N, C-alpha and C. Protein backbone atom coordinates (compact mmCIF):
# COMPACT_ATOMS: atom_id res chain seq x y z
N MET A 1 0.83 -1.19 0.00
CA MET A 1 0.00 0.00 0.00
C MET A 1 0.86 1.24 0.00
N ALA A 2 0.48 2.21 -0.80
CA ALA A 2 1.31 3.40 -0.95
C ALA A 2 1.10 4.34 0.23
N LEU A 3 2.20 4.67 0.90
CA LEU A 3 2.13 5.58 2.04
C LEU A 3 1.65 6.96 1.61
N ASN A 4 2.11 7.44 0.47
CA ASN A 4 1.71 8.76 -0.01
C ASN A 4 0.20 8.86 -0.20
N GLY A 5 -0.42 7.77 -0.65
CA GLY A 5 -1.86 7.78 -0.84
C GLY A 5 -2.60 7.96 0.47
N TYR A 6 -2.14 7.26 1.50
CA TYR A 6 -2.78 7.39 2.81
C TYR A 6 -2.56 8.79 3.40
N LEU A 7 -1.38 9.36 3.16
CA LEU A 7 -1.13 10.71 3.66
C LEU A 7 -2.06 11.72 2.99
N GLY A 8 -2.33 11.50 1.70
CA GLY A 8 -3.24 12.38 0.99
C GLY A 8 -4.65 12.30 1.56
N ILE A 9 -5.07 11.08 1.90
CA ILE A 9 -6.40 10.90 2.49
C ILE A 9 -6.46 11.56 3.87
N LEU A 10 -5.35 11.42 4.64
CA LEU A 10 -5.31 12.03 5.96
C LEU A 10 -5.40 13.56 5.87
N ARG A 11 -4.63 14.13 4.93
CA ARG A 11 -4.66 15.59 4.77
C ARG A 11 -6.06 16.06 4.38
N TRP A 12 -6.70 15.31 3.49
CA TRP A 12 -8.06 15.68 3.07
C TRP A 12 -9.02 15.62 4.26
N SER A 13 -8.88 14.58 5.09
CA SER A 13 -9.76 14.42 6.24
C SER A 13 -9.57 15.55 7.24
N LEU A 14 -8.30 15.93 7.48
CA LEU A 14 -8.02 17.02 8.41
C LEU A 14 -8.57 18.35 7.90
N ALA A 15 -8.56 18.50 6.59
CA ALA A 15 -9.04 19.76 6.00
C ALA A 15 -10.55 19.91 6.17
N GLN A 16 -11.23 18.77 6.42
CA GLN A 16 -12.68 18.83 6.57
C GLN A 16 -13.11 19.14 8.00
N THR A 17 -12.13 19.21 8.92
CA THR A 17 -12.45 19.44 10.33
C THR A 17 -11.81 20.73 10.81
N SER A 18 -12.18 21.14 12.03
CA SER A 18 -11.60 22.34 12.61
C SER A 18 -10.24 22.02 13.21
N ASP A 19 -9.60 23.01 13.82
CA ASP A 19 -8.29 22.81 14.41
C ASP A 19 -8.37 22.17 15.80
N GLY A 20 -9.55 21.80 16.23
CA GLY A 20 -9.70 21.16 17.52
C GLY A 20 -10.05 22.10 18.64
N THR A 21 -10.06 23.38 18.38
CA THR A 21 -10.37 24.36 19.44
C THR A 21 -11.87 24.61 19.56
N GLY A 22 -12.61 24.12 18.58
CA GLY A 22 -14.06 24.33 18.63
C GLY A 22 -14.76 23.19 17.95
N LEU A 23 -16.07 23.26 17.90
CA LEU A 23 -16.85 22.22 17.27
C LEU A 23 -16.81 22.37 15.76
N SER A 24 -16.76 21.24 15.09
CA SER A 24 -16.75 21.26 13.62
C SER A 24 -18.18 21.21 13.11
N ALA A 25 -18.40 21.92 12.06
CA ALA A 25 -19.72 21.90 11.45
C ALA A 25 -19.92 20.57 10.75
N VAL A 26 -21.04 19.94 10.98
CA VAL A 26 -21.33 18.64 10.38
C VAL A 26 -22.16 18.84 9.13
N SER A 27 -21.68 18.27 8.05
CA SER A 27 -22.43 18.36 6.79
C SER A 27 -22.19 17.09 5.99
N SER A 28 -23.12 16.76 5.15
CA SER A 28 -22.98 15.55 4.33
C SER A 28 -21.95 15.77 3.23
N MET A 29 -21.30 14.69 2.84
CA MET A 29 -20.29 14.78 1.78
C MET A 29 -20.96 14.97 0.44
N SER A 30 -20.31 15.74 -0.39
CA SER A 30 -20.82 15.92 -1.75
C SER A 30 -20.54 14.65 -2.55
N ALA A 31 -21.27 14.48 -3.61
CA ALA A 31 -21.06 13.31 -4.47
C ALA A 31 -19.64 13.28 -5.03
N GLU A 32 -19.11 14.48 -5.31
CA GLU A 32 -17.74 14.57 -5.83
C GLU A 32 -16.73 14.10 -4.81
N ASP A 33 -16.92 14.52 -3.52
CA ASP A 33 -16.00 14.10 -2.46
C ASP A 33 -16.11 12.60 -2.21
N LYS A 34 -17.33 12.08 -2.25
CA LYS A 34 -17.51 10.64 -2.04
C LYS A 34 -16.79 9.83 -3.13
N ALA A 35 -16.92 10.29 -4.35
CA ALA A 35 -16.29 9.58 -5.46
C ALA A 35 -14.76 9.62 -5.33
N TRP A 36 -14.24 10.80 -4.94
CA TRP A 36 -12.79 10.92 -4.79
C TRP A 36 -12.30 10.02 -3.66
N LEU A 37 -13.00 10.02 -2.51
CA LEU A 37 -12.56 9.22 -1.38
C LEU A 37 -12.63 7.73 -1.69
N GLN A 38 -13.67 7.30 -2.37
CA GLN A 38 -13.81 5.90 -2.73
C GLN A 38 -12.70 5.46 -3.67
N GLU A 39 -12.40 6.31 -4.65
CA GLU A 39 -11.32 5.98 -5.60
C GLU A 39 -9.97 5.96 -4.89
N ALA A 40 -9.74 6.92 -3.98
CA ALA A 40 -8.47 6.99 -3.25
C ALA A 40 -8.28 5.76 -2.38
N MET A 41 -9.33 5.32 -1.69
CA MET A 41 -9.24 4.15 -0.83
C MET A 41 -9.04 2.87 -1.65
N SER A 42 -9.75 2.77 -2.77
CA SER A 42 -9.64 1.58 -3.61
C SER A 42 -8.23 1.44 -4.18
N SER A 43 -7.59 2.57 -4.48
CA SER A 43 -6.25 2.51 -5.08
C SER A 43 -5.22 2.01 -4.08
N GLN A 44 -5.55 2.05 -2.78
CA GLN A 44 -4.59 1.62 -1.77
C GLN A 44 -4.76 0.15 -1.38
N VAL A 45 -5.79 -0.49 -1.88
CA VAL A 45 -6.07 -1.88 -1.54
C VAL A 45 -5.35 -2.81 -2.51
N VAL A 46 -4.56 -3.73 -1.99
CA VAL A 46 -3.83 -4.69 -2.82
C VAL A 46 -4.62 -5.99 -2.90
N ASP A 47 -4.91 -6.43 -4.11
CA ASP A 47 -5.59 -7.70 -4.33
C ASP A 47 -4.52 -8.79 -4.40
N LEU A 48 -4.34 -9.52 -3.30
CA LEU A 48 -3.27 -10.51 -3.22
C LEU A 48 -3.46 -11.64 -4.23
N ASN A 49 -4.69 -12.11 -4.37
CA ASN A 49 -4.94 -13.20 -5.31
C ASN A 49 -4.71 -12.77 -6.75
N GLU A 50 -5.03 -11.52 -7.07
CA GLU A 50 -4.78 -11.01 -8.42
C GLU A 50 -3.28 -10.91 -8.68
N ASN A 51 -2.54 -10.47 -7.68
CA ASN A 51 -1.08 -10.40 -7.83
C ASN A 51 -0.49 -11.78 -8.05
N MET A 52 -1.00 -12.76 -7.30
CA MET A 52 -0.49 -14.13 -7.47
C MET A 52 -0.87 -14.69 -8.84
N ARG A 53 -2.05 -14.31 -9.33
CA ARG A 53 -2.45 -14.76 -10.66
C ARG A 53 -1.49 -14.24 -11.72
N LEU A 54 -1.06 -12.99 -11.59
CA LEU A 54 -0.09 -12.42 -12.53
C LEU A 54 1.25 -13.13 -12.42
N ILE A 55 1.64 -13.47 -11.19
CA ILE A 55 2.89 -14.20 -10.98
C ILE A 55 2.84 -15.55 -11.69
N VAL A 56 1.73 -16.26 -11.52
CA VAL A 56 1.58 -17.58 -12.15
C VAL A 56 1.63 -17.45 -13.68
N ALA A 57 1.05 -16.39 -14.22
CA ALA A 57 1.08 -16.18 -15.67
C ALA A 57 2.52 -16.04 -16.17
N VAL A 58 3.36 -15.34 -15.41
CA VAL A 58 4.77 -15.19 -15.79
C VAL A 58 5.48 -16.54 -15.69
N LEU A 59 5.17 -17.30 -14.65
CA LEU A 59 5.82 -18.60 -14.46
C LEU A 59 5.46 -19.57 -15.58
N ARG A 60 4.29 -19.40 -16.16
CA ARG A 60 3.85 -20.29 -17.25
C ARG A 60 4.42 -19.89 -18.61
N ALA A 61 5.04 -18.73 -18.69
CA ALA A 61 5.57 -18.26 -19.97
C ALA A 61 6.64 -19.22 -20.49
N GLU A 62 6.61 -19.48 -21.78
CA GLU A 62 7.57 -20.37 -22.41
C GLU A 62 8.58 -19.56 -23.21
N ALA A 63 9.85 -19.89 -23.02
CA ALA A 63 10.90 -19.19 -23.75
C ALA A 63 10.92 -19.69 -25.20
N PRO A 64 11.06 -18.79 -26.17
CA PRO A 64 11.10 -19.20 -27.58
C PRO A 64 12.38 -19.97 -27.88
N HIS A 65 12.25 -20.99 -28.69
CA HIS A 65 13.42 -21.79 -29.07
C HIS A 65 14.25 -21.04 -30.10
N GLY A 66 15.56 -21.13 -29.94
CA GLY A 66 16.47 -20.52 -30.91
C GLY A 66 16.73 -19.05 -30.70
N ASP A 67 16.15 -18.47 -29.67
CA ASP A 67 16.37 -17.04 -29.37
C ASP A 67 16.93 -16.94 -27.96
N ASP A 68 18.26 -17.01 -27.86
CA ASP A 68 18.90 -17.03 -26.55
C ASP A 68 18.65 -15.76 -25.76
N GLU A 69 18.62 -14.63 -26.44
CA GLU A 69 18.41 -13.36 -25.75
C GLU A 69 17.02 -13.29 -25.14
N LYS A 70 16.03 -13.71 -25.91
CA LYS A 70 14.65 -13.71 -25.40
C LYS A 70 14.49 -14.74 -24.29
N ALA A 71 15.15 -15.89 -24.44
CA ALA A 71 15.08 -16.93 -23.42
C ALA A 71 15.67 -16.43 -22.10
N ALA A 72 16.77 -15.70 -22.19
CA ALA A 72 17.40 -15.15 -20.98
C ALA A 72 16.49 -14.11 -20.33
N GLU A 73 15.78 -13.34 -21.16
CA GLU A 73 14.86 -12.33 -20.62
C GLU A 73 13.69 -13.00 -19.89
N VAL A 74 13.16 -14.07 -20.48
CA VAL A 74 12.07 -14.80 -19.83
C VAL A 74 12.54 -15.40 -18.51
N ALA A 75 13.76 -15.95 -18.50
CA ALA A 75 14.31 -16.54 -17.28
C ALA A 75 14.46 -15.49 -16.18
N THR A 76 14.90 -14.29 -16.56
CA THR A 76 15.04 -13.20 -15.59
C THR A 76 13.68 -12.83 -15.00
N GLN A 77 12.66 -12.74 -15.85
CA GLN A 77 11.32 -12.41 -15.38
C GLN A 77 10.77 -13.50 -14.47
N GLN A 78 11.04 -14.76 -14.80
CA GLN A 78 10.55 -15.86 -13.97
C GLN A 78 11.27 -15.91 -12.63
N ALA A 79 12.55 -15.61 -12.62
CA ALA A 79 13.28 -15.56 -11.35
C ALA A 79 12.70 -14.47 -10.45
N LYS A 80 12.38 -13.32 -11.05
CA LYS A 80 11.76 -12.23 -10.28
C LYS A 80 10.38 -12.64 -9.77
N ALA A 81 9.61 -13.31 -10.62
CA ALA A 81 8.27 -13.75 -10.22
C ALA A 81 8.35 -14.76 -9.08
N LEU A 82 9.34 -15.63 -9.11
CA LEU A 82 9.52 -16.61 -8.03
C LEU A 82 9.89 -15.91 -6.73
N ASP A 83 10.72 -14.87 -6.82
CA ASP A 83 11.04 -14.07 -5.64
C ASP A 83 9.78 -13.44 -5.06
N ASP A 84 8.94 -12.91 -5.94
CA ASP A 84 7.69 -12.29 -5.48
C ASP A 84 6.76 -13.34 -4.87
N ALA A 85 6.72 -14.53 -5.47
CA ALA A 85 5.85 -15.60 -4.96
C ALA A 85 6.24 -15.98 -3.54
N THR A 86 7.53 -15.90 -3.23
CA THR A 86 8.01 -16.24 -1.89
C THR A 86 7.32 -15.40 -0.83
N ASP A 87 7.08 -14.13 -1.13
CA ASP A 87 6.46 -13.23 -0.16
C ASP A 87 5.02 -13.63 0.14
N TYR A 88 4.37 -14.30 -0.82
CA TYR A 88 2.96 -14.66 -0.64
C TYR A 88 2.79 -16.04 -0.01
N VAL A 89 3.54 -17.03 -0.48
CA VAL A 89 3.30 -18.41 -0.05
C VAL A 89 3.80 -18.68 1.36
N GLU A 90 4.46 -17.71 2.00
CA GLU A 90 4.80 -17.86 3.41
C GLU A 90 3.53 -17.93 4.25
N ASN A 91 2.44 -17.33 3.75
CA ASN A 91 1.15 -17.39 4.41
C ASN A 91 0.45 -18.68 3.99
N ILE A 92 0.04 -19.50 4.96
CA ILE A 92 -0.49 -20.82 4.64
C ILE A 92 -1.78 -20.75 3.83
N ASP A 93 -2.61 -19.73 4.08
CA ASP A 93 -3.85 -19.59 3.32
C ASP A 93 -3.56 -19.20 1.87
N LEU A 94 -2.61 -18.28 1.68
CA LEU A 94 -2.23 -17.89 0.33
C LEU A 94 -1.53 -19.05 -0.39
N ALA A 95 -0.78 -19.84 0.36
CA ALA A 95 -0.12 -21.01 -0.24
C ALA A 95 -1.16 -21.99 -0.75
N ARG A 96 -2.25 -22.15 0.01
CA ARG A 96 -3.33 -23.05 -0.41
C ARG A 96 -4.00 -22.51 -1.69
N ASN A 97 -4.25 -21.22 -1.72
CA ASN A 97 -4.85 -20.62 -2.93
C ASN A 97 -3.91 -20.73 -4.12
N PHE A 98 -2.63 -20.53 -3.86
CA PHE A 98 -1.62 -20.61 -4.92
C PHE A 98 -1.64 -22.00 -5.55
N CYS A 99 -1.80 -23.01 -4.71
CA CYS A 99 -1.77 -24.39 -5.19
C CYS A 99 -3.09 -24.82 -5.81
N ASN A 100 -4.20 -24.56 -5.11
CA ASN A 100 -5.49 -25.11 -5.51
C ASN A 100 -6.23 -24.23 -6.52
N LYS A 101 -6.47 -22.97 -6.17
CA LYS A 101 -7.27 -22.10 -7.02
C LYS A 101 -6.51 -21.63 -8.25
N LEU A 102 -5.24 -21.26 -8.06
CA LEU A 102 -4.46 -20.69 -9.16
C LEU A 102 -3.62 -21.73 -9.89
N ARG A 103 -3.54 -22.92 -9.32
CA ARG A 103 -2.74 -24.02 -9.91
C ARG A 103 -1.31 -23.55 -10.19
N GLY A 104 -0.79 -22.77 -9.24
CA GLY A 104 0.54 -22.20 -9.42
C GLY A 104 1.67 -23.18 -9.21
N LEU A 105 1.35 -24.32 -8.56
CA LEU A 105 2.41 -25.29 -8.30
C LEU A 105 2.84 -26.01 -9.57
N GLU A 106 1.95 -26.09 -10.56
CA GLU A 106 2.29 -26.76 -11.82
C GLU A 106 3.48 -26.10 -12.51
N PRO A 107 3.44 -24.78 -12.78
CA PRO A 107 4.61 -24.17 -13.42
C PRO A 107 5.84 -24.15 -12.52
N VAL A 108 5.64 -24.08 -11.20
CA VAL A 108 6.80 -24.11 -10.29
C VAL A 108 7.54 -25.43 -10.41
N VAL A 109 6.79 -26.53 -10.41
CA VAL A 109 7.42 -27.85 -10.57
C VAL A 109 8.08 -27.95 -11.94
N GLY A 110 7.41 -27.42 -12.96
CA GLY A 110 8.00 -27.45 -14.30
C GLY A 110 9.31 -26.70 -14.38
N LEU A 111 9.43 -25.61 -13.61
CA LEU A 111 10.66 -24.81 -13.65
C LEU A 111 11.82 -25.48 -12.92
N LEU A 112 11.57 -26.59 -12.25
CA LEU A 112 12.68 -27.36 -11.68
C LEU A 112 13.54 -27.97 -12.79
N ARG A 113 12.99 -28.00 -14.01
CA ARG A 113 13.73 -28.51 -15.18
C ARG A 113 14.41 -27.38 -15.95
N SER A 114 14.28 -26.15 -15.49
CA SER A 114 14.84 -25.02 -16.23
C SER A 114 16.35 -25.17 -16.41
N PRO A 115 16.87 -24.78 -17.58
CA PRO A 115 18.32 -24.81 -17.78
C PRO A 115 19.05 -23.71 -17.02
N HIS A 116 18.30 -22.80 -16.42
CA HIS A 116 18.90 -21.68 -15.69
C HIS A 116 18.89 -21.98 -14.19
N SER A 117 20.07 -22.06 -13.61
CA SER A 117 20.17 -22.42 -12.19
C SER A 117 19.46 -21.42 -11.29
N ALA A 118 19.48 -20.14 -11.67
CA ALA A 118 18.83 -19.11 -10.85
C ALA A 118 17.33 -19.35 -10.78
N VAL A 119 16.76 -19.91 -11.83
CA VAL A 119 15.33 -20.24 -11.83
C VAL A 119 15.09 -21.53 -11.06
N ARG A 120 15.95 -22.52 -11.25
CA ARG A 120 15.76 -23.83 -10.59
C ARG A 120 15.75 -23.71 -9.08
N TRP A 121 16.75 -23.03 -8.52
CA TRP A 121 16.82 -23.01 -7.06
C TRP A 121 15.71 -22.15 -6.46
N ARG A 122 15.28 -21.13 -7.20
CA ARG A 122 14.15 -20.33 -6.71
C ARG A 122 12.85 -21.13 -6.75
N ALA A 123 12.68 -21.92 -7.81
CA ALA A 123 11.49 -22.78 -7.89
C ALA A 123 11.49 -23.79 -6.75
N ALA A 124 12.64 -24.36 -6.45
CA ALA A 124 12.74 -25.31 -5.34
C ALA A 124 12.42 -24.63 -4.02
N SER A 125 12.85 -23.40 -3.87
CA SER A 125 12.59 -22.65 -2.63
C SER A 125 11.09 -22.39 -2.46
N VAL A 126 10.42 -21.95 -3.54
CA VAL A 126 8.98 -21.70 -3.48
C VAL A 126 8.24 -23.00 -3.18
N LEU A 127 8.64 -24.07 -3.85
CA LEU A 127 8.01 -25.36 -3.62
C LEU A 127 8.12 -25.78 -2.16
N GLY A 128 9.31 -25.60 -1.59
CA GLY A 128 9.51 -25.95 -0.19
C GLY A 128 8.61 -25.17 0.75
N MET A 129 8.42 -23.88 0.44
CA MET A 129 7.55 -23.06 1.29
C MET A 129 6.09 -23.47 1.17
N VAL A 130 5.66 -23.80 -0.06
CA VAL A 130 4.26 -24.14 -0.28
C VAL A 130 3.88 -25.43 0.45
N VAL A 131 4.77 -26.41 0.47
CA VAL A 131 4.42 -27.72 1.03
C VAL A 131 4.79 -27.86 2.51
N GLN A 132 5.49 -26.88 3.06
CA GLN A 132 5.95 -27.00 4.44
C GLN A 132 4.76 -27.11 5.41
N ASN A 133 4.74 -28.22 6.17
CA ASN A 133 3.70 -28.44 7.19
C ASN A 133 2.29 -28.31 6.62
N HIS A 134 2.11 -28.74 5.38
CA HIS A 134 0.80 -28.58 4.73
C HIS A 134 0.51 -29.84 3.92
N PRO A 135 -0.16 -30.85 4.53
CA PRO A 135 -0.41 -32.13 3.85
C PRO A 135 -1.14 -31.98 2.51
N GLU A 136 -2.06 -31.04 2.43
CA GLU A 136 -2.84 -30.87 1.20
C GLU A 136 -1.94 -30.48 0.03
N THR A 137 -1.09 -29.48 0.23
CA THR A 137 -0.20 -29.06 -0.85
C THR A 137 0.91 -30.09 -1.08
N GLN A 138 1.27 -30.84 -0.04
CA GLN A 138 2.26 -31.91 -0.22
C GLN A 138 1.73 -32.97 -1.18
N ARG A 139 0.46 -33.34 -1.02
CA ARG A 139 -0.14 -34.32 -1.93
C ARG A 139 -0.18 -33.78 -3.36
N CYS A 140 -0.48 -32.48 -3.48
CA CYS A 140 -0.50 -31.85 -4.80
C CYS A 140 0.88 -31.92 -5.46
N ALA A 141 1.91 -31.63 -4.69
CA ALA A 141 3.27 -31.66 -5.23
C ALA A 141 3.68 -33.07 -5.65
N LEU A 142 3.29 -34.06 -4.85
CA LEU A 142 3.62 -35.44 -5.19
C LEU A 142 2.92 -35.88 -6.48
N GLN A 143 1.67 -35.47 -6.65
CA GLN A 143 0.91 -35.81 -7.85
C GLN A 143 1.54 -35.18 -9.10
N LEU A 144 2.18 -34.02 -8.91
CA LEU A 144 2.82 -33.34 -10.04
C LEU A 144 4.21 -33.89 -10.34
N GLY A 145 4.66 -34.87 -9.55
CA GLY A 145 5.98 -35.48 -9.79
C GLY A 145 7.13 -34.63 -9.32
N ALA A 146 6.92 -33.86 -8.25
CA ALA A 146 7.97 -32.96 -7.78
C ALA A 146 9.13 -33.71 -7.13
N LEU A 147 8.83 -34.82 -6.42
CA LEU A 147 9.87 -35.51 -5.66
C LEU A 147 11.01 -36.04 -6.54
N PRO A 148 10.72 -36.76 -7.63
CA PRO A 148 11.83 -37.23 -8.48
C PRO A 148 12.68 -36.08 -9.03
N LEU A 149 12.03 -34.96 -9.35
CA LEU A 149 12.77 -33.82 -9.87
C LEU A 149 13.70 -33.24 -8.80
N LEU A 150 13.21 -33.16 -7.57
CA LEU A 150 14.03 -32.65 -6.48
C LEU A 150 15.21 -33.58 -6.21
N VAL A 151 14.95 -34.88 -6.23
CA VAL A 151 16.03 -35.85 -6.03
C VAL A 151 17.07 -35.72 -7.13
N SER A 152 16.61 -35.50 -8.36
CA SER A 152 17.53 -35.31 -9.48
C SER A 152 18.39 -34.07 -9.29
N LEU A 153 17.76 -32.99 -8.81
CA LEU A 153 18.52 -31.75 -8.57
C LEU A 153 19.57 -31.95 -7.49
N VAL A 154 19.19 -32.65 -6.42
CA VAL A 154 20.14 -32.90 -5.33
C VAL A 154 21.28 -33.77 -5.83
N SER A 155 20.95 -34.82 -6.61
CA SER A 155 21.99 -35.71 -7.13
C SER A 155 22.94 -34.95 -8.04
N ARG A 156 22.38 -34.08 -8.89
CA ARG A 156 23.22 -33.29 -9.79
C ARG A 156 24.14 -32.37 -8.99
N SER A 157 23.60 -31.77 -7.94
CA SER A 157 24.40 -30.88 -7.10
C SER A 157 25.53 -31.63 -6.43
N VAL A 158 25.23 -32.85 -5.93
CA VAL A 158 26.27 -33.66 -5.28
C VAL A 158 27.34 -34.06 -6.28
N GLU A 159 26.91 -34.47 -7.49
CA GLU A 159 27.86 -34.85 -8.52
C GLU A 159 28.77 -33.69 -8.89
N GLN A 160 28.18 -32.51 -9.06
CA GLN A 160 28.99 -31.35 -9.42
C GLN A 160 29.98 -31.02 -8.31
N ARG A 161 29.54 -31.15 -7.06
CA ARG A 161 30.44 -30.87 -5.94
C ARG A 161 31.58 -31.88 -5.90
N GLU A 162 31.26 -33.17 -6.18
CA GLU A 162 32.30 -34.19 -6.20
C GLU A 162 33.26 -33.98 -7.35
N GLU A 163 32.72 -33.58 -8.52
CA GLU A 163 33.58 -33.32 -9.67
C GLU A 163 34.53 -32.16 -9.38
N LYS A 164 34.01 -31.11 -8.76
CA LYS A 164 34.87 -29.97 -8.41
C LYS A 164 35.94 -30.39 -7.42
N GLY A 165 35.53 -31.23 -6.45
CA GLY A 165 36.50 -31.70 -5.46
C GLY A 165 37.59 -32.53 -6.10
N ALA A 166 37.20 -33.36 -7.08
CA ALA A 166 38.20 -34.20 -7.76
C ALA A 166 39.17 -33.35 -8.56
N VAL A 167 38.65 -32.32 -9.23
CA VAL A 167 39.52 -31.42 -10.00
C VAL A 167 40.49 -30.69 -9.08
N LYS A 168 40.01 -30.20 -7.94
CA LYS A 168 40.87 -29.49 -6.99
C LYS A 168 41.95 -30.41 -6.45
N ALA A 169 41.56 -31.66 -6.15
CA ALA A 169 42.53 -32.61 -5.62
C ALA A 169 43.62 -32.92 -6.64
N ARG A 170 43.22 -33.05 -7.90
CA ARG A 170 44.20 -33.35 -8.95
C ARG A 170 45.15 -32.17 -9.16
N VAL A 171 44.60 -30.97 -9.16
CA VAL A 171 45.45 -29.79 -9.33
C VAL A 171 46.41 -29.66 -8.16
N LYS A 172 45.92 -29.95 -6.97
CA LYS A 172 46.78 -29.85 -5.79
C LYS A 172 47.88 -30.89 -5.84
N ARG A 173 47.54 -32.09 -6.32
CA ARG A 173 48.52 -33.18 -6.38
C ARG A 173 49.57 -32.90 -7.45
N HIS A 174 49.11 -32.37 -8.59
CA HIS A 174 50.03 -32.08 -9.69
C HIS A 174 50.10 -30.57 -9.85
N SER A 175 50.98 -29.96 -9.12
CA SER A 175 51.07 -28.51 -9.14
C SER A 175 51.56 -27.99 -10.48
N ALA A 176 52.20 -28.85 -11.27
CA ALA A 176 52.67 -28.44 -12.59
C ALA A 176 52.14 -29.43 -13.62
N PRO A 177 50.88 -29.35 -14.02
CA PRO A 177 50.30 -30.34 -14.92
C PRO A 177 50.94 -30.36 -16.30
N TRP A 178 51.62 -29.28 -16.69
CA TRP A 178 52.23 -29.26 -18.02
C TRP A 178 53.39 -30.25 -18.12
N ARG A 179 53.90 -30.73 -16.99
CA ARG A 179 54.99 -31.72 -17.03
C ARG A 179 54.54 -32.99 -17.74
N HIS A 180 53.25 -33.32 -17.60
CA HIS A 180 52.73 -34.54 -18.20
C HIS A 180 52.08 -34.27 -19.55
N SER A 181 51.86 -33.03 -19.88
CA SER A 181 51.19 -32.72 -21.14
C SER A 181 52.17 -32.34 -22.24
N GLY A 182 53.45 -32.18 -21.89
CA GLY A 182 54.43 -31.78 -22.88
C GLY A 182 54.50 -30.30 -23.10
N VAL A 183 53.65 -29.53 -22.41
CA VAL A 183 53.66 -28.08 -22.54
C VAL A 183 54.59 -27.50 -21.49
N GLN A 184 55.53 -26.70 -21.91
CA GLN A 184 56.50 -26.12 -21.00
C GLN A 184 56.09 -24.70 -20.65
N PRO A 185 56.17 -24.34 -19.38
CA PRO A 185 55.82 -22.97 -18.99
C PRO A 185 56.85 -21.98 -19.51
N ARG A 186 56.39 -20.79 -19.83
CA ARG A 186 57.29 -19.76 -20.30
C ARG A 186 58.09 -19.21 -19.14
N ALA A 187 59.39 -19.00 -19.37
CA ALA A 187 60.24 -18.46 -18.31
C ALA A 187 59.87 -17.01 -18.06
N ALA A 188 59.93 -16.63 -16.81
CA ALA A 188 59.61 -15.24 -16.46
C ALA A 188 60.66 -14.32 -17.03
N ALA A 189 60.25 -13.19 -17.55
CA ALA A 189 61.19 -12.22 -18.12
C ALA A 189 62.05 -11.64 -17.01
N PRO A 190 63.37 -11.51 -17.23
CA PRO A 190 64.23 -10.94 -16.18
C PRO A 190 63.88 -9.51 -15.89
N SER A 191 64.05 -9.13 -14.64
CA SER A 191 63.74 -7.78 -14.23
C SER A 191 64.73 -6.80 -14.85
N ARG A 192 64.28 -5.64 -15.23
CA ARG A 192 65.14 -4.62 -15.81
C ARG A 192 66.09 -4.07 -14.77
N HIS A 193 65.65 -4.08 -13.52
CA HIS A 193 66.47 -3.50 -12.45
C HIS A 193 67.14 -4.62 -11.68
N THR A 194 68.47 -4.71 -11.79
CA THR A 194 69.21 -5.76 -11.08
C THR A 194 69.73 -5.29 -9.75
N GLY A 195 69.62 -4.01 -9.51
CA GLY A 195 70.09 -3.46 -8.24
C GLY A 195 69.09 -2.48 -7.70
N PRO A 196 69.43 -1.86 -6.59
CA PRO A 196 68.50 -0.89 -6.01
C PRO A 196 68.30 0.31 -6.94
N VAL A 197 67.09 0.81 -6.93
CA VAL A 197 66.76 1.96 -7.77
C VAL A 197 67.27 3.21 -7.08
N SER A 198 68.06 3.97 -7.83
CA SER A 198 68.63 5.20 -7.25
C SER A 198 67.59 6.30 -7.29
N GLY A 199 67.63 7.14 -6.30
CA GLY A 199 66.71 8.27 -6.30
C GLY A 199 67.21 9.33 -7.18
């Protein structure tokens, strides 16, 4: 909700009353004032379900094939939408609506297959929040096949960590790998100054 909007309503309300030193004259609001106040109040109300519906629409967007730039743009938008979804699904009632009414868990599970790691881990984070301590949404996630995908992500992460560890161990063991590859390191160029630099 916009703070400036509420301040405007407060200023308008104060302008309709006295300074507090005397009684204020009571009169009915004009139709124009009623319309302005109703519009001002409505503009400050956030429709949470409508916002989540827009988030789900972004999550369902498909990146065009063969257009890497557009695909990267879609991935960026989906990562942002997943960040926004996190703020909503922390509430158990909104998480239920996200899953049941908006069917938002379907694209979230689908994004676990995204080639973009920034999208994958955010989708996993949202999924974890939606199903946490909530049997109904847990059943929904299982029906969508979320568990095998999560296991695959964990396995891939473990494999990558082991591969990195193996590479580090090999580099540490062979501090000069060019000895076995036939490539000789270039000798460092001799310093121009062989003695102390005179002032």
